Amino acid sequence: MCSLIYYFSGEAVYVDDIPSPPNCLHGAFIYSTKPLAGVKGVQLESNRSTDGVTTIITFKDIPSGGENVGVIAMSDPEPLFADDLARCAGDRIAVVVADSQRSADVAARTALVEYDTENIYSPILTVEEAVEKSSFFQIPPYMNPKQVGDFSKGMSEADHKILSAEIRLGSEYYFYMETQTALAIPDEDNCMVVYTSSQCPENMQHVIASCLGVPEHNIRVITRRVGGGFGGKGVRSMPVSTACALAAYKLRRPVRICVNRNSDMIMTGGRHPMKVTYSVGFKSSGKITALHLDILMNAGITEDISPLLPSNVIKALKKYDWGALSFNVKLCKTNLTSKSAMRAPGEVQGSYIAEAIIEHVASLLSIEVDSVRNKNFHTFESLNLFYDNIVAAGEYTLPSIMNKLAVSSSFFQRSKKIEQFNQNNTWKKRGISRVPIVYEVVQRPTPGKVSILQDGSIVVEVGGIEIGQGLWTKVRQMTAYALGLIDSSWAEDLVEKVRVIQADTLSLVQAGFTAGSTTSETSCEAVRLCCDILVERLTPLKKQLQEQNGSVDWPMLIRQAQAQSVNLAANSYYVPEFDSMSYLNFGAAVSEVTCCFCLFFWFPHPCFGNVPRFSLLHGLSIFNIYE
């Protein structure tokens, strides 16, 4: 067996690595510290740290013909700046513009916002308060997930019941390495070039144009790569770039904003918190016959992508055969920052809810949880009942995946060893779990463009954004493979000739957004379609040259194609067919963990009574994960 070790070096340039243009200014957000309050005005403290401040940008600086809009997601737009009312803590009030990022940050941090809380209703902060005040976002009927079976009948067949059990899921911050950032540079003819870290540059172009009141062709948004997104560089990046562009538009100078970590955590939102109440009926064997869920999702102050969450949660939860499944999902509108897409939005919560219910049933019956999982795996028929006949015969591979995983991870042998370990150890305990996952993939239309230059090098553009998922590598490989159909011996050398370039909203349109774990797949297909066009154009010429010269290489072919005016650029727009745009992915993992229990020593304190002096043992460590 031969092992190869590759060493790589190089530089990846992100937005903050782009050198500041001459006369560049820097911006920082002033945001509300109150969840619901009127805004009377903003004043900056006068001190040496704010000497470099140029101006403050508010909603009053939006040009005539423009709109106070910072986000356009699904329906109602979200304001860029609070006007007379701040609706959540973290609501954007203004941007301080200064000659350095430090001066802007200090000025924003020390700014004095004059609030008015008279005649203001109490803020809604919890889902319970939202229910009490009927504060909800509507879920469009076509986005409502499908219920399965008769819940009452399923409960009547149960030997045991758990009624009104509760799960609470908190929020989660993105914590990407690169915080929200943008650089806006005024250009000729009343145009603007915006370098941004975004998963959806085209949507951002639309928002910026709407805010400035200019045609979209006046706004050029460029994204080379994203330094960590997890969904947070989708919708939530729009107001940062829009505010940056607005400041540059007004001052006619370049402006860049790099949101500091503290402000980013306060303003950006995160994962949707949820309160879940469930009732479940089940047999003594562990087979579940019926499940009902009441789910309250805290969506925050604006809609964002929240209407998608109910469907995502339920689809993930349907990985088990619940017999009958009914639910009532409400999107609660509260005075918190808007919650947005976050790595597997809804799917994470749905899978967690499913596993919590399985664990609860196993605990009540004193049965191994792995046995209860097996009892509630889908048959081929029940899977298609829950997922609307999406799976063809032979495609349901989850049972075999679970069996192979049990063997490859030595799951049952390790389970016995862990049981013995726990009997012999007081302060350390171990656990092992084998968990399945079902994820419904939904493909989206994606554009592509492949151009061959005079020296035979190849430039590729795709609608997707490189966010660390290896998109560019996959696209390069697909380009070389597809063009290699002209001559299979060329494919390996062609890889080195391919360059994938940054996303540019004035070069490639209808790019959509990078999300849902499908962008690499659809981008590669779009590129393949482009290459098919080029192969069709170049293959007859290669045959002709072979007849004349005996042998042909890639540079010769491209030189002759140039000389004979063969079109060496191809565009495509991949639109998935309706019957194949959705499919299920199956997976499973085994995880083993060690938990160390805490031991505290207590001592008396004159004010607080007994308090812990120190902890002897604490923590949780993951041993191994097999996928």
Foldseek 3Di string as FASTA:
>chain_A
DDDDDDDDDDDDDFQVNPDFDPPEKEKEFQWAQALKWFWDDKDWDDDPLQPFWDDKAFLVLQDVLADQFQFDAPHDTDGLADDGMQRAGLGTGIMIIGRDNRSRVVRSVRMDIDTHCPPIDDFFDDLVSLVVVVFFDDQPPVLAADWFDDQVVLQVPFPDKDFFDKDKFDWDFQPFVAFWKKKWAQDPPLAIEMEGQAQFQLSLLVRLCRRNNHDSLRYKYWYFFHRGCQFLRYRLSRSQRSSQNSVCSSVVGMYMYRYDPVSRRQNRAGAKIKMKTKMWGHYLQLQTQHMEIEMETEQEADCEPVSNQNNLLLVFLLQWQNNTYYYHYTYGYTSGHGYYRGNSHNNVNNQVVNLVVLVVSCVVSVHPSVSSRVSTGDDPVSSCSNVVNLDDPPRPCQVVQLVVQCVVVVVVVVQVVQVVVQVVDDFKHKDKDKGKTKDKFFAAKKKKKWFADLQRAIEIEILGHHHPPCLFVLLLLLLLCLLCVLPVVCSVVNSVRYDYGIDICSPDHPSGGHDRPCRSVNRSVNSSVQSVVVSVQQNVVLVVVCVVPVDDDSSRSSNVCVVVVGGRMGMGIDGDDPSPSIHMDMHMKMWMKMFGDWDFDWDQDPPPGIDTPDTDDGDMDIDDMDD
